Each structure stands twice: as structure tokens, then as C-alpha cells.
PDB file of N, CA and C in Angstrom:
ATOM      1  N   UNK A   1       0.833  -1.168   0.000  1.00  0.00           N
ATOM      2  CA  UNK A   1       0.000   0.000   0.000  1.00  0.00           C
ATOM      3  C   UNK A   1       0.886   1.243   0.000  1.00  0.00           C
ATOM      4  N   UNK A   2       0.479   2.202  -0.792  1.00  0.00           N
ATOM      5  CA  UNK A   2       1.247   3.441  -0.902  1.00  0.00           C
ATOM      6  C   UNK A   2       0.275   4.589  -1.135  1.00  0.00           C
ATOM      7  N   UNK A   3       0.609   5.749  -0.622  1.00  0.00           N
ATOM      8  CA  UNK A   3      -0.240   6.910  -0.857  1.00  0.00           C
ATOM      9  C   UNK A   3      -0.241   7.233  -2.339  1.00  0.00           C
ATOM     10  N   UNK A   4      -1.407   7.659  -2.825  1.00  0.00           N
ATOM     11  CA  UNK A   4      -1.585   7.931  -4.257  1.00  0.00           C
ATOM     12  C   UNK A   4      -0.515   8.893  -4.791  1.00  0.00           C
ATOM     13  N   UNK A   5      -0.239   9.957  -4.066  1.00  0.00           N
ATOM     14  CA  UNK A   5       0.741  10.955  -4.499  1.00  0.00           C
ATOM     15  C   UNK A   5       2.084  10.312  -4.848  1.00  0.00           C
ATOM     16  N   UNK A   6       2.572   9.400  -3.996  1.00  0.00           N
ATOM     17  CA  UNK A   6       3.863   8.763  -4.216  1.00  0.00           C
ATOM     18  C   UNK A   6       3.775   7.670  -5.270  1.00  0.00           C
ATOM     19  N   UNK A   7       2.660   6.945  -5.288  1.00  0.00           N
ATOM     20  CA  UNK A   7       2.465   5.927  -6.313  1.00  0.00           C
ATOM     21  C   UNK A   7       2.456   6.513  -7.713  1.00  0.00           C
ATOM     22  N   UNK A   8       1.824   7.676  -7.855  1.00  0.00           N
ATOM     23  CA  UNK A   8       1.793   8.350  -9.158  1.00  0.00           C
ATOM     24  C   UNK A   8       3.197   8.752  -9.599  1.00  0.00           C
ATOM     25  N   UNK A   9       4.013   9.209  -8.666  1.00  0.00           N
ATOM     26  CA  UNK A   9       5.395   9.582  -9.005  1.00  0.00           C
ATOM     27  C   UNK A   9       6.214   8.353  -9.407  1.00  0.00           C
ATOM     28  N   UNK A  10       5.954   7.229  -8.749  1.00  0.00           N
ATOM     29  CA  UNK A  10       6.641   5.989  -9.123  1.00  0.00           C
ATOM     30  C   UNK A  10       6.212   5.549 -10.514  1.00  0.00           C
ATOM     31  N   UNK A  11       4.906   5.563 -10.776  1.00  0.00           N
ATOM     32  CA  UNK A  11       4.416   5.098 -12.072  1.00  0.00           C
ATOM     33  C   UNK A  11       4.797   6.040 -13.218  1.00  0.00           C
ATOM     34  N   UNK A  12       5.093   7.301 -12.914  1.00  0.00           N
ATOM     35  CA  UNK A  12       5.546   8.224 -13.959  1.00  0.00           C
ATOM     36  C   UNK A  12       7.040   8.062 -14.227  1.00  0.00           C
ATOM     37  N   UNK A  13       7.742   7.329 -13.333  1.00  0.00           N
ATOM     38  CA  UNK A  13       9.179   7.152 -13.475  1.00  0.00           C
ATOM     39  C   UNK A  13       9.992   8.219 -12.767  1.00  0.00           C
ATOM     40  N   UNK A  14       9.314   9.211 -12.190  1.00  0.00           N
ATOM     41  CA  UNK A  14      10.009  10.294 -11.486  1.00  0.00           C
ATOM     42  C   UNK A  14      10.643   9.806 -10.187  1.00  0.00           C
ATOM     43  N   UNK A  15       9.945   8.939  -9.475  1.00  0.00           N
ATOM     44  CA  UNK A  15      10.417   8.432  -8.185  1.00  0.00           C
ATOM     45  C   UNK A  15      10.913   7.001  -8.380  1.00  0.00           C
ATOM     46  N   UNK A  16      12.171   6.747  -8.035  1.00  0.00           N
ATOM     47  CA  UNK A  16      12.750   5.419  -8.238  1.00  0.00           C
ATOM     48  C   UNK A  16      13.210   4.775  -6.931  1.00  0.00           C
ATOM     49  N   UNK A  17      12.937   5.453  -5.814  1.00  0.00           N
ATOM     50  CA  UNK A  17      13.324   4.926  -4.511  1.00  0.00           C
ATOM     51  C   UNK A  17      12.174   5.123  -3.531  1.00  0.00           C
ATOM     52  N   UNK A  18      11.699   4.042  -2.974  1.00  0.00           N
ATOM     53  CA  UNK A  18      10.698   4.090  -1.901  1.00  0.00           C
ATOM     54  C   UNK A  18      11.428   3.777  -0.606  1.00  0.00           C
ATOM     55  N   UNK A  19      11.134   4.517   0.447  1.00  0.00           N
ATOM     56  CA  UNK A  19      11.766   4.216   1.718  1.00  0.00           C
ATOM     57  C   UNK A  19      10.728   3.720   2.709  1.00  0.00           C
ATOM     58  N   UNK A  20      11.153   2.782   3.504  1.00  0.00           N
ATOM     59  CA  UNK A  20      10.315   2.210   4.551  1.00  0.00           C
ATOM     60  C   UNK A  20      11.200   1.880   5.739  1.00  0.00           C
ATOM     61  N   UNK A  21      10.561   1.452   6.800  1.00  0.00           N
ATOM     62  CA  UNK A  21      11.284   1.122   8.025  1.00  0.00           C
ATOM     63  C   UNK A  21      12.035  -0.202   7.905  1.00  0.00           C
ATOM     64  N   UNK A  22      11.642  -1.059   7.002  1.00  0.00           N
ATOM     65  CA  UNK A  22      12.275  -2.364   6.897  1.00  0.00           C
ATOM     66  C   UNK A  22      12.744  -2.686   5.494  1.00  0.00           C
ATOM     67  N   UNK A  23      13.543  -3.719   5.425  1.00  0.00           N
ATOM     68  CA  UNK A  23      14.073  -4.209   4.163  1.00  0.00           C
ATOM     69  C   UNK A  23      12.995  -4.976   3.406  1.00  0.00           C
ATOM     70  N   UNK A  24      13.211  -5.138   2.135  1.00  0.00           N
ATOM     71  CA  UNK A  24      12.314  -5.967   1.323  1.00  0.00           C
ATOM     72  C   UNK A  24      13.142  -6.959   0.512  1.00  0.00           C
ATOM     73  N   UNK A  25      14.247  -7.405   1.074  1.00  0.00           N
ATOM     74  CA  UNK A  25      15.154  -8.309   0.369  1.00  0.00           C
ATOM     75  C   UNK A  25      14.461  -9.561  -0.145  1.00  0.00           C
ATOM     76  N   UNK A  26      13.462 -10.042   0.578  1.00  0.00           N
ATOM     77  CA  UNK A  26      12.750 -11.259   0.184  1.00  0.00           C
ATOM     78  C   UNK A  26      11.998 -11.077  -1.137  1.00  0.00           C
ATOM     79  N   UNK A  27      11.745  -9.830  -1.530  1.00  0.00           N
ATOM     80  CA  UNK A  27      10.983  -9.568  -2.756  1.00  0.00           C
ATOM     81  C   UNK A  27      11.848  -9.039  -3.898  1.00  0.00           C
ATOM     82  N   UNK A  28      13.152  -8.997  -3.683  1.00  0.00           N
ATOM     83  CA  UNK A  28      14.071  -8.511  -4.713  1.00  0.00           C
ATOM     84  C   UNK A  28      13.901  -9.341  -5.987  1.00  0.00           C
ATOM     85  N   UNK A  29      13.828  -8.660  -7.108  1.00  0.00           N
ATOM     86  CA  UNK A  29      13.675  -9.326  -8.390  1.00  0.00           C
ATOM     87  C   UNK A  29      12.227  -9.582  -8.786  1.00  0.00           C
ATOM     88  N   UNK A  30      11.288  -9.211  -7.943  1.00  0.00           N
ATOM     89  CA  UNK A  30       9.872  -9.443  -8.234  1.00  0.00           C
ATOM     90  C   UNK A  30       9.243  -8.245  -8.928  1.00  0.00           C
ATOM     91  N   UNK A  31       8.224  -8.518  -9.706  1.00  0.00           N
ATOM     92  CA  UNK A  31       7.358  -7.481 -10.283  1.00  0.00           C
ATOM     93  C   UNK A  31       6.253  -7.283  -9.261  1.00  0.00           C
ATOM     94  N   UNK A  32       6.092  -6.063  -8.773  1.00  0.00           N
ATOM     95  CA  UNK A  32       5.108  -5.823  -7.727  1.00  0.00           C
ATOM     96  C   UNK A  32       4.053  -4.821  -8.193  1.00  0.00           C
ATOM     97  N   UNK A  33       2.854  -4.993  -7.677  1.00  0.00           N
ATOM     98  CA  UNK A  33       1.754  -4.087  -7.984  1.00  0.00           C
ATOM     99  C   UNK A  33       1.684  -2.976  -6.961  1.00  0.00           C
ATOM    100  N   UNK A  34       1.244  -1.808  -7.403  1.00  0.00           N
ATOM    101  CA  UNK A  34       1.067  -0.673  -6.510  1.00  0.00           C
ATOM    102  C   UNK A  34      -0.413  -0.458  -6.250  1.00  0.00           C
ATOM    103  N   UNK A  35      -0.784  -0.630  -5.005  1.00  0.00           N
ATOM    104  CA  UNK A  35      -2.155  -0.424  -4.564  1.00  0.00           C
ATOM    105  C   UNK A  35      -2.171   0.833  -3.712  1.00  0.00           C
ATOM    106  N   UNK A  36      -3.016   1.782  -4.053  1.00  0.00           N
ATOM    107  CA  UNK A  36      -3.063   3.032  -3.315  1.00  0.00           C
ATOM    108  C   UNK A  36      -3.851   2.869  -2.030  1.00  0.00           C
ATOM    109  N   UNK A  37      -3.367   3.529  -0.975  1.00  0.00           N
ATOM    110  CA  UNK A  37      -4.033   3.501   0.317  1.00  0.00           C
ATOM    111  C   UNK A  37      -5.485   3.936   0.164  1.00  0.00           C
ATOM    112  N   UNK A  38      -6.362   3.240   0.859  1.00  0.00           N
ATOM    113  CA  UNK A  38      -7.779   3.585   0.834  1.00  0.00           C
ATOM    114  C   UNK A  38      -8.536   3.027  -0.354  1.00  0.00           C
ATOM    115  N   UNK A  39      -7.844   2.273  -1.210  1.00  0.00           N
ATOM    116  CA  UNK A  39      -8.518   1.676  -2.370  1.00  0.00           C
ATOM    117  C   UNK A  39      -8.328   0.171  -2.329  1.00  0.00           C
ATOM    118  N   UNK A  40      -9.012  -0.500  -3.172  1.00  0.00           N
ATOM    119  CA  UNK A  40      -8.837  -1.930  -3.334  1.00  0.00           C
ATOM    120  C   UNK A  40      -8.423  -2.243  -4.758  1.00  0.00           C
ATOM    121  N   UNK A  41      -7.534  -1.399  -5.308  1.00  0.00           N
ATOM    122  CA  UNK A  41      -7.138  -1.548  -6.708  1.00  0.00           C
ATOM    123  C   UNK A  41      -5.630  -1.449  -6.881  1.00  0.00           C
ATOM    124  N   UNK A  42      -5.128  -2.214  -7.830  1.00  0.00           N
ATOM    125  CA  UNK A  42      -3.745  -2.090  -8.275  1.00  0.00           C
ATOM    126  C   UNK A  42      -3.758  -1.138  -9.467  1.00  0.00           C
ATOM    127  N   UNK A  43      -2.917  -0.111  -9.406  1.00  0.00           N
ATOM    128  CA  UNK A  43      -2.886   0.915 -10.449  1.00  0.00           C
ATOM    129  C   UNK A  43      -1.723   0.756 -11.420  1.00  0.00           C
ATOM    130  N   UNK A  44      -0.777  -0.113 -11.077  1.00  0.00           N
ATOM    131  CA  UNK A  44       0.348  -0.335 -11.966  1.00  0.00           C
ATOM    132  C   UNK A  44       1.348  -1.275 -11.330  1.00  0.00           C
ATOM    133  N   UNK A  45       2.423  -1.515 -12.060  1.00  0.00           N
ATOM    134  CA  UNK A  45       3.449  -2.457 -11.619  1.00  0.00           C
ATOM    135  C   UNK A  45       4.831  -1.840 -11.782  1.00  0.00           C
ATOM    136  N   UNK A  46       5.773  -2.293 -10.952  1.00  0.00           N
ATOM    137  CA  UNK A  46       7.185  -1.936 -11.065  1.00  0.00           C
ATOM    138  C   UNK A  46       8.014  -3.167 -10.742  1.00  0.00           C
ATOM    139  N   UNK A  47       9.258  -3.148 -11.189  1.00  0.00           N
ATOM    140  CA  UNK A  47      10.214  -4.182 -10.811  1.00  0.00           C
ATOM    141  C   UNK A  47      10.955  -3.709  -9.576  1.00  0.00           C
ATOM    142  N   UNK A  48      11.021  -4.552  -8.571  1.00  0.00           N
ATOM    143  CA  UNK A  48      11.781  -4.257  -7.362  1.00  0.00           C
ATOM    144  C   UNK A  48      13.174  -4.830  -7.579  1.00  0.00           C
ATOM    145  N   UNK A  49      14.139  -3.956  -7.848  1.00  0.00           N
ATOM    146  CA  UNK A  49      15.464  -4.422  -8.255  1.00  0.00           C
ATOM    147  C   UNK A  49      16.471  -4.517  -7.124  1.00  0.00           C
ATOM    148  N   UNK A  50      16.235  -3.783  -6.034  1.00  0.00           N
ATOM    149  CA  UNK A  50      17.209  -3.814  -4.955  1.00  0.00           C
ATOM    150  C   UNK A  50      16.589  -3.304  -3.666  1.00  0.00           C
ATOM    151  N   UNK A  51      17.075  -3.860  -2.565  1.00  0.00           N
ATOM    152  CA  UNK A  51      16.739  -3.373  -1.233  1.00  0.00           C
ATOM    153  C   UNK A  51      18.043  -2.949  -0.584  1.00  0.00           C
ATOM    154  N   UNK A  52      18.128  -1.691  -0.194  1.00  0.00           N
ATOM    155  CA  UNK A  52      19.371  -1.187   0.387  1.00  0.00           C
ATOM    156  C   UNK A  52      19.117  -0.674   1.804  1.00  0.00           C
ATOM    157  N   UNK A  53      20.079  -0.919   2.652  1.00  0.00           N
ATOM    158  CA  UNK A  53      19.954  -0.377   3.998  1.00  0.00           C
ATOM    159  C   UNK A  53      20.001  -1.441   5.060  1.00  0.00           C
ATOM    160  N   UNK A  54      19.890  -0.982   6.290  1.00  0.00           N
ATOM    161  CA  UNK A  54      19.514   0.367   6.668  1.00  0.00           C
ATOM    162  C   UNK A  54      20.526   1.399   6.159  1.00  0.00           C
ATOM    163  N   UNK A  55      19.988   2.530   5.722  1.00  0.00           N
ATOM    164  CA  UNK A  55      20.808   3.592   5.176  1.00  0.00           C
ATOM    165  C   UNK A  55      21.480   4.399   6.286  1.00  0.00           C
ATOM    166  N   UNK A  56      22.661   4.850   6.005  1.00  0.00           N
ATOM    167  CA  UNK A  56      23.313   5.801   6.905  1.00  0.00           C
ATOM    168  C   UNK A  56      22.743   7.182   6.575  1.00  0.00           C
ATOM    169  N   UNK A  57      22.897   8.140   7.471  1.00  0.00           N
ATOM    170  CA  UNK A  57      22.442   9.491   7.145  1.00  0.00           C
ATOM    171  C   UNK A  57      23.082  10.032   5.861  1.00  0.00           C
ATOM    172  N   UNK A  58      24.349   9.748   5.636  1.00  0.00           N
ATOM    173  CA  UNK A  58      25.027  10.221   4.424  1.00  0.00           C
ATOM    174  C   UNK A  58      24.439   9.567   3.164  1.00  0.00           C
ATOM    175  N   UNK A  59      24.184   8.252   3.229  1.00  0.00           N
ATOM    176  CA  UNK A  59      23.575   7.569   2.082  1.00  0.00           C
ATOM    177  C   UNK A  59      22.203   8.148   1.776  1.00  0.00           C
ATOM    178  N   UNK A  60      21.379   8.368   2.808  1.00  0.00           N
ATOM    179  CA  UNK A  60      20.040   8.944   2.607  1.00  0.00           C
ATOM    180  C   UNK A  60      20.151  10.330   1.983  1.00  0.00           C
ATOM    181  N   UNK A  61      21.083  11.137   2.472  1.00  0.00           N
ATOM    182  CA  UNK A  61      21.274  12.481   1.949  1.00  0.00           C
ATOM    183  C   UNK A  61      21.588  12.445   0.455  1.00  0.00           C
ATOM    184  N   UNK A  62      22.411  11.497   0.039  1.00  0.00           N
ATOM    185  CA  UNK A  62      22.809  11.388  -1.363  1.00  0.00           C
ATOM    186  C   UNK A  62      21.723  10.781  -2.240  1.00  0.00           C
ATOM    187  N   UNK A  63      20.817   9.991  -1.675  1.00  0.00           N
ATOM    188  CA  UNK A  63      19.774   9.305  -2.452  1.00  0.00           C
ATOM    189  C   UNK A  63      18.411   9.984  -2.400  1.00  0.00           C
ATOM    190  N   UNK A  64      18.220  10.967  -1.528  1.00  0.00           N
ATOM    191  CA  UNK A  64      16.884  11.503  -1.272  1.00  0.00           C
ATOM    192  C   UNK A  64      16.203  12.057  -2.519  1.00  0.00           C
ATOM    193  N   UNK A  65      16.973  12.559  -3.496  1.00  0.00           N
ATOM    194  CA  UNK A  65      16.354  13.082  -4.722  1.00  0.00           C
ATOM    195  C   UNK A  65      15.627  11.978  -5.496  1.00  0.00           C
ATOM    196  N   UNK A  66      16.059  10.725  -5.368  1.00  0.00           N
ATOM    197  CA  UNK A  66      15.385   9.611  -6.047  1.00  0.00           C
ATOM    198  C   UNK A  66      14.055   9.288  -5.386  1.00  0.00           C
ATOM    199  N   UNK A  67      13.903   9.753  -4.160  1.00  0.00           N
ATOM    200  CA  UNK A  67      12.675   9.545  -3.405  1.00  0.00           C
ATOM    201  C   UNK A  67      11.716  10.731  -3.580  1.00  0.00           C
ATOM    202  N   UNK A  68      12.207  11.796  -4.205  1.00  0.00           N
ATOM    203  CA  UNK A  68      11.421  13.006  -4.459  1.00  0.00           C
ATOM    204  C   UNK A  68      11.067  13.758  -3.186  1.00  0.00           C
ATOM    205  N   UNK A  69      11.928  13.688  -2.181  1.00  0.00           N
ATOM    206  CA  UNK A  69      11.724  14.414  -0.940  1.00  0.00           C
ATOM    207  C   UNK A  69      12.830  15.441  -0.801  1.00  0.00           C
ATOM    208  N   UNK A  70      12.441  16.685  -0.562  1.00  0.00           N
ATOM    209  CA  UNK A  70      13.443  17.713  -0.312  1.00  0.00           C
ATOM    210  C   UNK A  70      13.145  18.482   0.968  1.00  0.00           C
ATOM    211  N   UNK A  71      11.905  18.586   1.349  1.00  0.00           N
ATOM    212  CA  UNK A  71      11.520  19.415   2.491  1.00  0.00           C
ATOM    213  C   UNK A  71      11.799  18.749   3.841  1.00  0.00           C
ATOM    214  N   UNK A  72      11.619  17.463   3.964  1.00  0.00           N
ATOM    215  CA  UNK A  72      11.697  16.794   5.261  1.00  0.00           C
ATOM    216  C   UNK A  72      13.098  16.762   5.842  1.00  0.00           C
ATOM    217  N   UNK A  73      14.080  16.564   5.029  1.00  0.00           N
ATOM    218  CA  UNK A  73      15.454  16.440   5.527  1.00  0.00           C
ATOM    219  C   UNK A  73      16.235  17.655   5.084  1.00  0.00           C
ATOM    220  N   UNK A  74      16.519  18.503   6.024  1.00  0.00           N
ATOM    221  CA  UNK A  74      17.231  19.735   5.709  1.00  0.00           C
ATOM    222  C   UNK A  74      18.734  19.631   5.962  1.00  0.00           C
ATOM    223  N   UNK A  75      19.150  18.621   6.695  1.00  0.00           N
ATOM    224  CA  UNK A  75      20.579  18.430   6.939  1.00  0.00           C
ATOM    225  C   UNK A  75      20.923  16.967   6.748  1.00  0.00           C
ATOM    226  N   UNK A  76      22.195  16.694   6.587  1.00  0.00           N
ATOM    227  CA  UNK A  76      22.665  15.331   6.374  1.00  0.00           C
ATOM    228  C   UNK A  76      22.426  14.458   7.609  1.00  0.00           C
ATOM    229  N   UNK A  77      22.235  15.057   8.768  1.00  0.00           N
ATOM    230  CA  UNK A  77      22.070  14.283   9.998  1.00  0.00           C
ATOM    231  C   UNK A  77      20.670  13.713  10.180  1.00  0.00           C
ATOM    232  N   UNK A  78      19.673  14.239   9.468  1.00  0.00           N
ATOM    233  CA  UNK A  78      18.299  13.786   9.629  1.00  0.00           C
ATOM    234  C   UNK A  78      18.055  12.513   8.834  1.00  0.00           C
ATOM    235  N   UNK A  79      17.363  11.567   9.453  1.00  0.00           N
ATOM    236  CA  UNK A  79      17.089  10.282   8.823  1.00  0.00           C
ATOM    237  C   UNK A  79      15.665   9.841   9.181  1.00  0.00           C
ATOM    238  N   UNK A  80      14.824   9.564   8.189  1.00  0.00           N
ATOM    239  CA  UNK A  80      13.472   9.090   8.488  1.00  0.00           C
ATOM    240  C   UNK A  80      13.496   7.745   9.220  1.00  0.00           C
ATOM    241  N   UNK A  81      12.421   7.402   9.852  1.00  0.00           N
ATOM    242  CA  UNK A  81      12.232   6.124  10.541  1.00  0.00           C
ATOM    243  C   UNK A  81      13.254   5.878  11.654  1.00  0.00           C
ATOM    244  N   UNK A  82      13.710   6.940  12.273  1.00  0.00           N
ATOM    245  CA  UNK A  82      14.572   6.850  13.455  1.00  0.00           C
ATOM    246  C   UNK A  82      15.768   5.917  13.264  1.00  0.00           C
ATOM    247  N   UNK A  83      16.418   6.030  12.132  1.00  0.00           N
ATOM    248  CA  UNK A  83      17.641   5.284  11.909  1.00  0.00           C
ATOM    249  C   UNK A  83      17.466   3.904  11.304  1.00  0.00           C
ATOM    250  N   UNK A  84      16.264   3.479  11.049  1.00  0.00           N
ATOM    251  CA  UNK A  84      16.023   2.157  10.454  1.00  0.00           C
ATOM    252  C   UNK A  84      15.446   2.341   9.047  1.00  0.00           C
ATOM    253  N   UNK A  85      15.999   3.291   8.315  1.00  0.00           N
ATOM    254  CA  UNK A  85      15.497   3.630   6.988  1.00  0.00           C
ATOM    255  C   UNK A  85      16.118   2.720   5.936  1.00  0.00           C
ATOM    256  N   UNK A  86      15.258   2.023   5.197  1.00  0.00           N
ATOM    257  CA  UNK A  86      15.710   1.157   4.106  1.00  0.00           C
ATOM    258  C   UNK A  86      15.161   1.699   2.793  1.00  0.00           C
ATOM    259  N   UNK A  87      15.900   1.510   1.720  1.00  0.00           N
ATOM    260  CA  UNK A  87      15.477   1.959   0.404  1.00  0.00           C
ATOM    261  C   UNK A  87      15.098   0.793  -0.485  1.00  0.00           C
ATOM    262  N   UNK A  88      13.988   0.957  -1.179  1.00  0.00           N
ATOM    263  CA  UNK A  88      13.537  -0.040  -2.138  1.00  0.00           C
ATOM    264  C   UNK A  88      13.675   0.583  -3.522  1.00  0.00           C
ATOM    265  N   UNK A  89      14.577   0.054  -4.330  1.00  0.00           N
ATOM    266  CA  UNK A  89      14.848   0.602  -5.653  1.00  0.00           C
ATOM    267  C   UNK A  89      13.905  -0.056  -6.662  1.00  0.00           C
ATOM    268  N   UNK A  90      13.165   0.794  -7.405  1.00  0.00           N
ATOM    269  CA  UNK A  90      12.192   0.288  -8.373  1.00  0.00           C
ATOM    270  C   UNK A  90      12.496   0.831  -9.760  1.00  0.00           C
ATOM    271  N   UNK A  91      12.104   0.069 -10.760  1.00  0.00           N
ATOM    272  CA  UNK A  91      12.317   0.464 -12.150  1.00  0.00           C
ATOM    273  C   UNK A  91      11.200  -0.121 -13.007  1.00  0.00           C
ATOM    274  N   UNK A  92      11.202   0.255 -14.269  1.00  0.00           N
ATOM    275  CA  UNK A  92      10.288  -0.296 -15.268  1.00  0.00           C
ATOM    276  C   UNK A  92       8.816  -0.132 -14.874  1.00  0.00           C
ATOM    277  N   UNK A  93       8.371   1.112 -14.593  1.00  0.00           N
ATOM    278  CA  UNK A  93       6.978   1.305 -14.209  1.00  0.00           C
ATOM    279  C   UNK A  93       6.018   1.061 -15.367  1.00  0.00           C
ATOM    280  N   UNK A  94       4.893   0.465 -15.036  1.00  0.00           N
ATOM    281  CA  UNK A  94       3.839   0.206 -16.022  1.00  0.00           C
ATOM    282  C   UNK A  94       2.509   0.598 -15.401  1.00  0.00           C
ATOM    283  N   UNK A  95       1.927   1.684 -15.889  1.00  0.00           N
ATOM    284  CA  UNK A  95       0.633   2.139 -15.405  1.00  0.00           C
ATOM    285  C   UNK A  95      -0.472   1.362 -16.130  1.00  0.00           C
ATOM    286  N   UNK A  96      -1.449   0.904 -15.399  1.00  0.00           N
ATOM    287  CA  UNK A  96      -2.568   0.183 -15.995  1.00  0.00           C
ATOM    288  C   UNK A  96      -3.615   1.159 -16.529  1.00  0.00           C
ATOM    289  N   UNK A  97      -4.170   0.868 -17.692  1.00  0.00           N
ATOM    290  CA  UNK A  97      -5.248   1.698 -18.226  1.00  0.00           C
ATOM    291  C   UNK A  97      -6.482   1.589 -17.354  1.00  0.00           C
ATOM    292  N   UNK A  98      -6.754   0.383 -16.889  1.00  0.00           N
ATOM    293  CA  UNK A  98      -7.882   0.136 -15.998  1.00  0.00           C
ATOM    294  C   UNK A  98      -7.346  -0.550 -14.747  1.00  0.00           C
ATOM    295  N   UNK A  99      -7.524   0.070 -13.575  1.00  0.00           N
ATOM    296  CA  UNK A  99      -7.034  -0.563 -12.346  1.00  0.00           C
ATOM    297  C   UNK A  99      -7.648  -1.942 -12.127  1.00  0.00           C
ATOM    298  N   UNK A 100      -6.900  -2.813 -11.480  1.00  0.00           N
ATOM    299  CA  UNK A 100      -7.354  -4.166 -11.180  1.00  0.00           C
ATOM    300  C   UNK A 100      -7.872  -4.198  -9.748  1.00  0.00           C
ATOM    301  N   UNK A 101      -9.128  -4.550  -9.565  1.00  0.00           N
ATOM    302  CA  UNK A 101      -9.688  -4.643  -8.221  1.00  0.00           C
ATOM    303  C   UNK A 101      -9.168  -5.900  -7.527  1.00  0.00           C
ATOM    304  N   UNK A 102      -8.844  -5.744  -6.236  1.00  0.00           N
ATOM    305  CA  UNK A 102      -8.397  -6.871  -5.427  1.00  0.00           C
ATOM    306  C   UNK A 102      -9.157  -6.847  -4.100  1.00  0.00           C
ATOM    307  N   UNK A 103      -9.122  -7.968  -3.419  1.00  0.00           N
ATOM    308  CA  UNK A 103      -9.668  -8.025  -2.071  1.00  0.00           C
ATOM    309  C   UNK A 103      -8.508  -7.738  -1.129  1.00  0.00           C
ATOM    310  N   UNK A 104      -8.580  -6.606  -0.447  1.00  0.00           N
ATOM    311  CA  UNK A 104      -7.496  -6.185   0.435  1.00  0.00           C
ATOM    312  C   UNK A 104      -7.548  -6.884   1.772  1.00  0.00           C
ATOM    313  N   UNK A 105      -6.370  -7.170   2.305  1.00  0.00           N
ATOM    314  CA  UNK A 105      -6.277  -7.666   3.670  1.00  0.00           C
ATOM    315  C   UNK A 105      -6.617  -6.518   4.611  1.00  0.00           C
ATOM    316  N   UNK A 106      -7.113  -6.850   5.780  1.00  0.00           N
ATOM    317  CA  UNK A 106      -7.446  -5.815   6.769  1.00  0.00           C
ATOM    318  C   UNK A 106      -6.206  -5.363   7.512  1.00  0.00           C
ATOM    319  N   UNK A 107      -6.276  -4.146   8.049  1.00  0.00           N
ATOM    320  CA  UNK A 107      -5.194  -3.626   8.875  1.00  0.00           C
ATOM    321  C   UNK A 107      -4.119  -2.943   8.065  1.00  0.00           C
ATOM    322  N   UNK A 108      -3.020  -2.680   8.737  1.00  0.00           N
ATOM    323  CA  UNK A 108      -1.879  -2.027   8.094  1.00  0.00           C
ATOM    324  C   UNK A 108      -1.166  -3.051   7.217  1.00  0.00           C
ATOM    325  N   UNK A 109      -1.167  -2.803   5.915  1.00  0.00           N
ATOM    326  CA  UNK A 109      -0.629  -3.768   4.963  1.00  0.00           C
ATOM    327  C   UNK A 109       0.486  -3.113   4.147  1.00  0.00           C
ATOM    328  N   UNK A 110       1.633  -3.781   4.106  1.00  0.00           N
ATOM    329  CA  UNK A 110       2.709  -3.335   3.220  1.00  0.00           C
ATOM    330  C   UNK A 110       2.773  -4.271   2.015  1.00  0.00           C
ATOM    331  N   UNK A 111       2.752  -5.579   2.279  1.00  0.00           N
ATOM    332  CA  UNK A 111       2.817  -6.597   1.216  1.00  0.00           C
ATOM    333  C   UNK A 111       1.573  -7.457   1.279  1.00  0.00           C
ATOM    334  N   UNK A 112       1.034  -7.768   0.124  1.00  0.00           N
ATOM    335  CA  UNK A 112      -0.087  -8.680   0.029  1.00  0.00           C
ATOM    336  C   UNK A 112       0.034  -9.456  -1.276  1.00  0.00           C
ATOM    337  N   UNK A 113       0.041 -10.754  -1.191  1.00  0.00           N
ATOM    338  CA  UNK A 113       0.074 -11.587  -2.401  1.00  0.00           C
ATOM    339  C   UNK A 113      -1.336 -11.691  -2.969  1.00  0.00           C
ATOM    340  N   UNK A 114      -1.445 -11.523  -4.278  1.00  0.00           N
ATOM    341  CA  UNK A 114      -2.728 -11.686  -4.946  1.00  0.00           C
ATOM    342  C   UNK A 114      -2.523 -12.536  -6.188  1.00  0.00           C
ATOM    343  N   UNK A 115      -3.532 -13.268  -6.537  1.00  0.00           N
ATOM    344  CA  UNK A 115      -3.509 -14.064  -7.767  1.00  0.00           C
ATOM    345  C   UNK A 115      -4.261 -13.305  -8.841  1.00  0.00           C
ATOM    346  N   UNK A 116      -3.561 -12.945  -9.910  1.00  0.00           N
ATOM    347  CA  UNK A 116      -4.206 -12.207 -10.996  1.00  0.00           C
ATOM    348  C   UNK A 116      -4.486 -13.101 -12.163  1.00  0.00           C
TER     349      UNK A 116
END
């Protein structure tokens, strides 16, 4: 699940790094669907090519432009997620013409397997 604003940037190819509190090494090399928060639809797909981190403050500072964030971190010392910031590198975005409806799991969901 991802907020629509960030999902749209990923699907446009502008955003190539998603950050989260944890690694996604188990999903490296997979084609993943992007489901926007508050919806039950997949709006597109990307390839998850790498999971990096936890990032150091210097690494985050150098990579933050790929995440499309400039306002939150004003100095090299600031790091999201209280020092447990991991980067998920994505490529090859494919926006769907018609979103695919799915049955969402309840609660806070980061990963959900679906059969398409």
C-alpha cells in the first residue's frame, strides 16, 4: 500500500526509490503491484530491483532526490524512521489503463500476495 501521491510519481518514473522502516530483500527481483491507500485496486506495476539499507544518514542524503523528498530532511544528519530507513529501488513502471480490483487484507498492509 502506498499513498496515491507517491504511487503516481513511481508510475511516472520520477520516483525510483521508496523508503520504509524495513528491508524488502525477500521480494528482490519481483514485479510488484502498486495499490493506493484507501482503495482496493492495483494501479500499476514496477520491478523491485534492490533493497538497500539500513541507510546511513550520508547515504540517505545522497539518495533523497530519487525519493522526491526535499523538504523533510534539511541536513545530512536527519534520517526518516529513526535510523532504520531502508530503500527499495524500483524500475520499469507500467501504469494500468484500468485498475485491477483486489480483495485487500485488513489492517496495516505493506505486502499482500494476490492471484491475478
